[in-house]
Every structure is written in C-alpha cells, then in structure tokens.
Amino acid sequence: MDTETNENLSQSTQSTPDPNYLRKQRLIIAGIVIIGIITLGLLVTGLVFLLSPSLTSIDTVGRLRDIFIILMALEALLIGLALIILMIQIARLTNLLENEVKPILDSTNETISNLRGTTKFLSDNLVEPVIKLNEVIAVFQKVTDILHVTRKR
C-alpha cells in the first residue's frame, strides 16, 4: 500500500505540459515541415527543367548556373538570419549576466565577508582566551611538578 501511495504522489507531482507550449511546438514543427516540402519541390522543379531533353546544352548550363546562384543567395540569407538570431541570443545572455547573475555574486561576496568577520570574532573572543587559559594551567602544572608541591606516592 505504501508503494501505491508513493506512485500516486509521483504521478500527481509530474507536471503536464502547458497547452499553449504544445500548440507553439506543433506550429514550429508544421512550419519546418512546410518549408522543407517547399524546398524539396523547388529542387525537383529545378531538376526537371534542368534535365528536360528539349533544351540545348548551352541552355542547360545557363539554367544550372542560375539555379546555383539562387541557392547560394538563399544560403547567404539563411546564414544572415542565423547570425541575427545569434546576436540577439548574445544580447539576452549579456542582459542575464548583468541583471541576474551579478546580484547573486554580490550577495555571495557579502555573505563570505560576513562569515569572515564572524570567524575573526570567534577567534578573538572565544578561541584565544581558551588557549591562554590552557597555557596558564600548563604553566601552573609544570611549576607544581618542578617544586614538588603535589606528593606522589
């Protein structure tokens, strides 16, 4: 019975994904699939026009050149988009470091400073007097041993 209770607790504590998050993921996946299908269609169309037998070899080479120029332009566009996204992410990371991580580090340094002060206070006011008391007791015992004040039998 105890294991059933634990299983029920673990099932109830598992978080269910947010419906808006799932919808957003589905839209992103659908967009990627649609872009992939359009790209594949353009490539197939380009190959059909490229390899059609009614064209002469000069026309084929010209069309092949034009298709590669278009593909290189699309690739440059995608690389530019990726660089823009990367710059935005770097700006967000910088903002995160300045506004969230730096205050945490400052509070950590303050805590360490307080801890350093506490250990110095304890060292000065607790440990040193105990050590001095032990020194006095040791000196007193040594003096009594030397003077034979206590008798040993």
C-alpha atoms as a PDB file:
ATOM      1  CA  MET A   1       0.000   0.000   0.000  1.00  0.00           C
ATOM      2  CA  ASP A   2       2.888   2.360   0.776  1.00  0.00           C
ATOM      3  CA  THR A   3       4.335   1.897  -2.723  1.00  0.00           C
ATOM      4  CA  GLU A   4       0.938   2.674  -4.269  1.00  0.00           C
ATOM      5  CA  THR A   5       0.805   5.923  -2.308  1.00  0.00           C
ATOM      6  CA  ASN A   6       4.308   6.842  -3.480  1.00  0.00           C
ATOM      7  CA  GLU A   7       3.368   6.073  -7.098  1.00  0.00           C
ATOM      8  CA  ASN A   8       0.229   8.200  -6.831  1.00  0.00           C
ATOM      9  CA  LEU A   9       2.241  11.072  -5.342  1.00  0.00           C
ATOM     10  CA  SER A  10       4.876  10.855  -8.065  1.00  0.00           C
ATOM     11  CA  GLN A  11       2.193  10.795 -10.774  1.00  0.00           C
ATOM     12  CA  SER A  12       0.380  13.770  -9.274  1.00  0.00           C
ATOM     13  CA  THR A  13       3.604  15.799  -8.948  1.00  0.00           C
ATOM     14  CA  GLN A  14       4.596  15.258 -12.580  1.00  0.00           C
ATOM     15  CA  SER A  15       3.864  18.451 -14.467  1.00  0.00           C
ATOM     16  CA  THR A  16       1.656  18.312 -17.525  1.00  0.00           C
ATOM     17  CA  PRO A  17       2.869  20.413 -20.451  1.00  0.00           C
ATOM     18  CA  ASP A  18       1.172  23.745 -20.974  1.00  0.00           C
ATOM     19  CA  PRO A  19      -1.347  23.600 -23.879  1.00  0.00           C
ATOM     20  CA  ASN A  20      -0.002  26.884 -25.274  1.00  0.00           C
ATOM     21  CA  TYR A  21       3.520  25.456 -25.226  1.00  0.00           C
ATOM     22  CA  LEU A  22       2.352  22.307 -27.062  1.00  0.00           C
ATOM     23  CA  ARG A  23       0.486  24.412 -29.636  1.00  0.00           C
ATOM     24  CA  LYS A  24       3.589  26.538 -30.190  1.00  0.00           C
ATOM     25  CA  GLN A  25       5.754  23.429 -30.650  1.00  0.00           C
ATOM     26  CA  ARG A  26       3.272  21.981 -33.158  1.00  0.00           C
ATOM     27  CA  LEU A  27       3.236  25.232 -35.137  1.00  0.00           C
ATOM     28  CA  ILE A  28       7.033  25.302 -35.234  1.00  0.00           C
ATOM     29  CA  ILE A  29       7.188  21.687 -36.416  1.00  0.00           C
ATOM     30  CA  ALA A  30       4.489  22.333 -39.040  1.00  0.00           C
ATOM     31  CA  GLY A  31       6.396  25.398 -40.283  1.00  0.00           C
ATOM     32  CA  ILE A  32       9.624  23.427 -40.589  1.00  0.00           C
ATOM     33  CA  VAL A  33       7.847  20.633 -42.474  1.00  0.00           C
ATOM     34  CA  ILE A  34       6.173  23.104 -44.859  1.00  0.00           C
ATOM     35  CA  ILE A  35       9.472  24.882 -45.549  1.00  0.00           C
ATOM     36  CA  GLY A  36      11.128  21.507 -46.175  1.00  0.00           C
ATOM     37  CA  ILE A  37       8.385  20.459 -48.606  1.00  0.00           C
ATOM     38  CA  ILE A  38       8.591  23.765 -50.491  1.00  0.00           C
ATOM     39  CA  THR A  39      12.390  23.483 -50.718  1.00  0.00           C
ATOM     40  CA  LEU A  40      12.167  19.907 -51.948  1.00  0.00           C
ATOM     41  CA  GLY A  41       9.539  20.928 -54.511  1.00  0.00           C
ATOM     42  CA  LEU A  42      11.736  23.738 -55.787  1.00  0.00           C
ATOM     43  CA  LEU A  43      14.696  21.379 -56.112  1.00  0.00           C
ATOM     44  CA  VAL A  44      12.637  18.796 -58.018  1.00  0.00           C
ATOM     45  CA  THR A  45      11.207  21.501 -60.299  1.00  0.00           C
ATOM     46  CA  GLY A  46      14.688  22.843 -60.946  1.00  0.00           C
ATOM     47  CA  LEU A  47      15.989  19.382 -61.812  1.00  0.00           C
ATOM     48  CA  VAL A  48      13.045  18.723 -64.160  1.00  0.00           C
ATOM     49  CA  PHE A  49      13.660  21.956 -66.051  1.00  0.00           C
ATOM     50  CA  LEU A  50      17.390  21.324 -65.978  1.00  0.00           C
ATOM     51  CA  LEU A  51      17.205  17.842 -67.402  1.00  0.00           C
ATOM     52  CA  SER A  52      14.450  18.347 -69.984  1.00  0.00           C
ATOM     53  CA  PRO A  53      15.631  16.927 -73.331  1.00  0.00           C
ATOM     54  CA  SER A  54      14.260  19.775 -75.469  1.00  0.00           C
ATOM     55  CA  LEU A  55      16.915  22.180 -74.229  1.00  0.00           C
ATOM     56  CA  THR A  56      20.343  22.562 -75.741  1.00  0.00           C
ATOM     57  CA  SER A  57      23.476  22.078 -73.658  1.00  0.00           C
ATOM     58  CA  ILE A  58      24.158  25.847 -73.504  1.00  0.00           C
ATOM     59  CA  ASP A  59      20.697  26.456 -72.096  1.00  0.00           C
ATOM     60  CA  THR A  60      21.196  23.621 -69.605  1.00  0.00           C
ATOM     61  CA  VAL A  61      24.467  25.069 -68.340  1.00  0.00           C
ATOM     62  CA  GLY A  62      22.926  28.538 -68.062  1.00  0.00           C
ATOM     63  CA  ARG A  63      19.963  27.223 -66.118  1.00  0.00           C
ATOM     64  CA  LEU A  64      22.243  25.177 -63.877  1.00  0.00           C
ATOM     65  CA  ARG A  65      24.285  28.306 -63.186  1.00  0.00           C
ATOM     66  CA  ASP A  66      21.153  30.315 -62.415  1.00  0.00           C
ATOM     67  CA  ILE A  67      19.846  27.633 -60.031  1.00  0.00           C
ATOM     68  CA  PHE A  68      23.138  27.518 -58.138  1.00  0.00           C
ATOM     69  CA  ILE A  69      23.229  31.332 -57.899  1.00  0.00           C
ATOM     70  CA  ILE A  70      19.726  31.294 -56.422  1.00  0.00           C
ATOM     71  CA  LEU A  71      20.670  28.518 -53.993  1.00  0.00           C
ATOM     72  CA  MET A  72      23.779  30.431 -52.880  1.00  0.00           C
ATOM     73  CA  ALA A  73      21.670  33.570 -52.330  1.00  0.00           C
ATOM     74  CA  LEU A  74      19.212  31.559 -50.217  1.00  0.00           C
ATOM     75  CA  GLU A  75      22.092  30.075 -48.244  1.00  0.00           C
ATOM     76  CA  ALA A  76      23.547  33.538 -47.613  1.00  0.00           C
ATOM     77  CA  LEU A  77      20.105  34.699 -46.473  1.00  0.00           C
ATOM     78  CA  LEU A  78      19.836  31.781 -44.033  1.00  0.00           C
ATOM     79  CA  ILE A  79      23.343  32.410 -42.683  1.00  0.00           C
ATOM     80  CA  GLY A  80      22.494  36.093 -42.180  1.00  0.00           C
ATOM     81  CA  LEU A  81      19.307  35.130 -40.342  1.00  0.00           C
ATOM     82  CA  ALA A  82      21.258  32.711 -38.151  1.00  0.00           C
ATOM     83  CA  LEU A  83      23.792  35.454 -37.327  1.00  0.00           C
ATOM     84  CA  ILE A  84      20.998  37.861 -36.375  1.00  0.00           C
ATOM     85  CA  ILE A  85      19.469  35.234 -34.085  1.00  0.00           C
ATOM     86  CA  LEU A  86      22.905  34.579 -32.577  1.00  0.00           C
ATOM     87  CA  MET A  87      23.438  38.280 -31.895  1.00  0.00           C
ATOM     88  CA  ILE A  88      20.031  38.503 -30.194  1.00  0.00           C
ATOM     89  CA  GLN A  89      20.863  35.488 -28.024  1.00  0.00           C
ATOM     90  CA  ILE A  90      24.224  37.020 -27.047  1.00  0.00           C
ATOM     91  CA  ALA A  91      22.443  40.261 -26.090  1.00  0.00           C
ATOM     92  CA  ARG A  92      19.963  38.289 -23.958  1.00  0.00           C
ATOM     93  CA  LEU A  93      22.804  36.370 -22.296  1.00  0.00           C
ATOM     94  CA  THR A  94      24.630  39.608 -21.523  1.00  0.00           C
ATOM     95  CA  ASN A  95      21.446  41.019 -20.018  1.00  0.00           C
ATOM     96  CA  LEU A  96      21.005  37.867 -17.933  1.00  0.00           C
ATOM     97  CA  LEU A  97      24.568  38.079 -16.636  1.00  0.00           C
ATOM     98  CA  GLU A  98      24.268  41.754 -15.730  1.00  0.00           C
ATOM     99  CA  ASN A  99      20.835  41.661 -14.134  1.00  0.00           C
ATOM    100  CA  GLU A 100      20.594  38.238 -12.521  1.00  0.00           C
ATOM    101  CA  VAL A 101      23.992  36.619 -12.044  1.00  0.00           C
ATOM    102  CA  LYS A 102      25.870  39.731 -10.884  1.00  0.00           C
ATOM    103  CA  PRO A 103      23.500  40.422  -7.940  1.00  0.00           C
ATOM    104  CA  ILE A 104      23.813  36.787  -6.892  1.00  0.00           C
ATOM    105  CA  LEU A 105      27.605  37.096  -6.933  1.00  0.00           C
ATOM    106  CA  ASP A 106      27.428  40.348  -4.974  1.00  0.00           C
ATOM    107  CA  SER A 107      25.241  38.780  -2.279  1.00  0.00           C
ATOM    108  CA  THR A 108      27.570  35.769  -2.166  1.00  0.00           C
ATOM    109  CA  ASN A 109      30.569  38.059  -1.643  1.00  0.00           C
ATOM    110  CA  GLU A 110      28.684  39.883   1.117  1.00  0.00           C
ATOM    111  CA  THR A 111      27.867  36.573   2.799  1.00  0.00           C
ATOM    112  CA  ILE A 112      31.501  35.480   2.615  1.00  0.00           C
ATOM    113  CA  SER A 113      32.575  38.804   4.121  1.00  0.00           C
ATOM    114  CA  ASN A 114      30.100  38.343   6.988  1.00  0.00           C
ATOM    115  CA  LEU A 115      31.374  34.804   7.529  1.00  0.00           C
ATOM    116  CA  ARG A 116      34.963  36.054   7.577  1.00  0.00           C
ATOM    117  CA  GLY A 117      34.029  38.643  10.204  1.00  0.00           C
ATOM    118  CA  THR A 118      32.221  36.025  12.297  1.00  0.00           C
ATOM    119  CA  THR A 119      35.197  33.672  12.270  1.00  0.00           C
ATOM    120  CA  LYS A 120      37.537  36.518  13.249  1.00  0.00           C
ATOM    121  CA  PHE A 121      35.211  37.488  16.104  1.00  0.00           C
ATOM    122  CA  LEU A 122      35.018  33.886  17.345  1.00  0.00           C
ATOM    123  CA  SER A 123      38.777  33.532  17.059  1.00  0.00           C
ATOM    124  CA  ASP A 124      39.434  36.708  19.029  1.00  0.00           C
ATOM    125  CA  ASN A 125      36.792  36.256  21.718  1.00  0.00           C
ATOM    126  CA  LEU A 126      36.487  32.507  22.182  1.00  0.00           C
ATOM    127  CA  VAL A 127      39.472  30.563  20.920  1.00  0.00           C
ATOM    128  CA  GLU A 128      42.264  32.878  22.146  1.00  0.00           C
ATOM    129  CA  PRO A 129      41.023  33.028  25.775  1.00  0.00           C
ATOM    130  CA  VAL A 130      40.674  29.232  25.887  1.00  0.00           C
ATOM    131  CA  ILE A 131      44.204  28.798  24.541  1.00  0.00           C
ATOM    132  CA  LYS A 132      45.580  31.322  27.057  1.00  0.00           C
ATOM    133  CA  LEU A 133      43.745  29.541  29.892  1.00  0.00           C
ATOM    134  CA  ASN A 134      45.277  26.237  28.785  1.00  0.00           C
ATOM    135  CA  GLU A 135      48.711  27.894  28.751  1.00  0.00           C
ATOM    136  CA  VAL A 136      48.258  29.177  32.311  1.00  0.00           C
ATOM    137  CA  ILE A 137      47.083  25.761  33.519  1.00  0.00           C
ATOM    138  CA  ALA A 138      50.028  24.046  31.814  1.00  0.00           C
ATOM    139  CA  VAL A 139      52.483  26.517  33.357  1.00  0.00           C
ATOM    140  CA  PHE A 140      50.908  26.051  36.784  1.00  0.00           C
ATOM    141  CA  GLN A 141      51.136  22.242  36.467  1.00  0.00           C
ATOM    142  CA  LYS A 142      54.759  22.445  35.383  1.00  0.00           C
ATOM    143  CA  VAL A 143      55.637  24.765  38.269  1.00  0.00           C
ATOM    144  CA  THR A 144      53.961  22.436  40.775  1.00  0.00           C
ATOM    145  CA  ASP A 145      55.778  19.462  39.259  1.00  0.00           C
ATOM    146  CA  ILE A 146      59.134  21.252  39.482  1.00  0.00           C
ATOM    147  CA  LEU A 147      58.582  22.417  43.065  1.00  0.00           C
ATOM    148  CA  HIS A 148      57.149  19.048  44.065  1.00  0.00           C
ATOM    149  CA  VAL A 149      54.137  20.695  45.666  1.00  0.00           C
ATOM    150  CA  THR A 150      51.970  17.698  44.984  1.00  0.00           C
ATOM    151  CA  ARG A 151      53.206  14.492  46.564  1.00  0.00           C
ATOM    152  CA  LYS A 152      53.233  11.356  44.520  1.00  0.00           C
ATOM    153  CA  ARG A 153      53.157   8.001  46.266  1.00  0.00           C
END
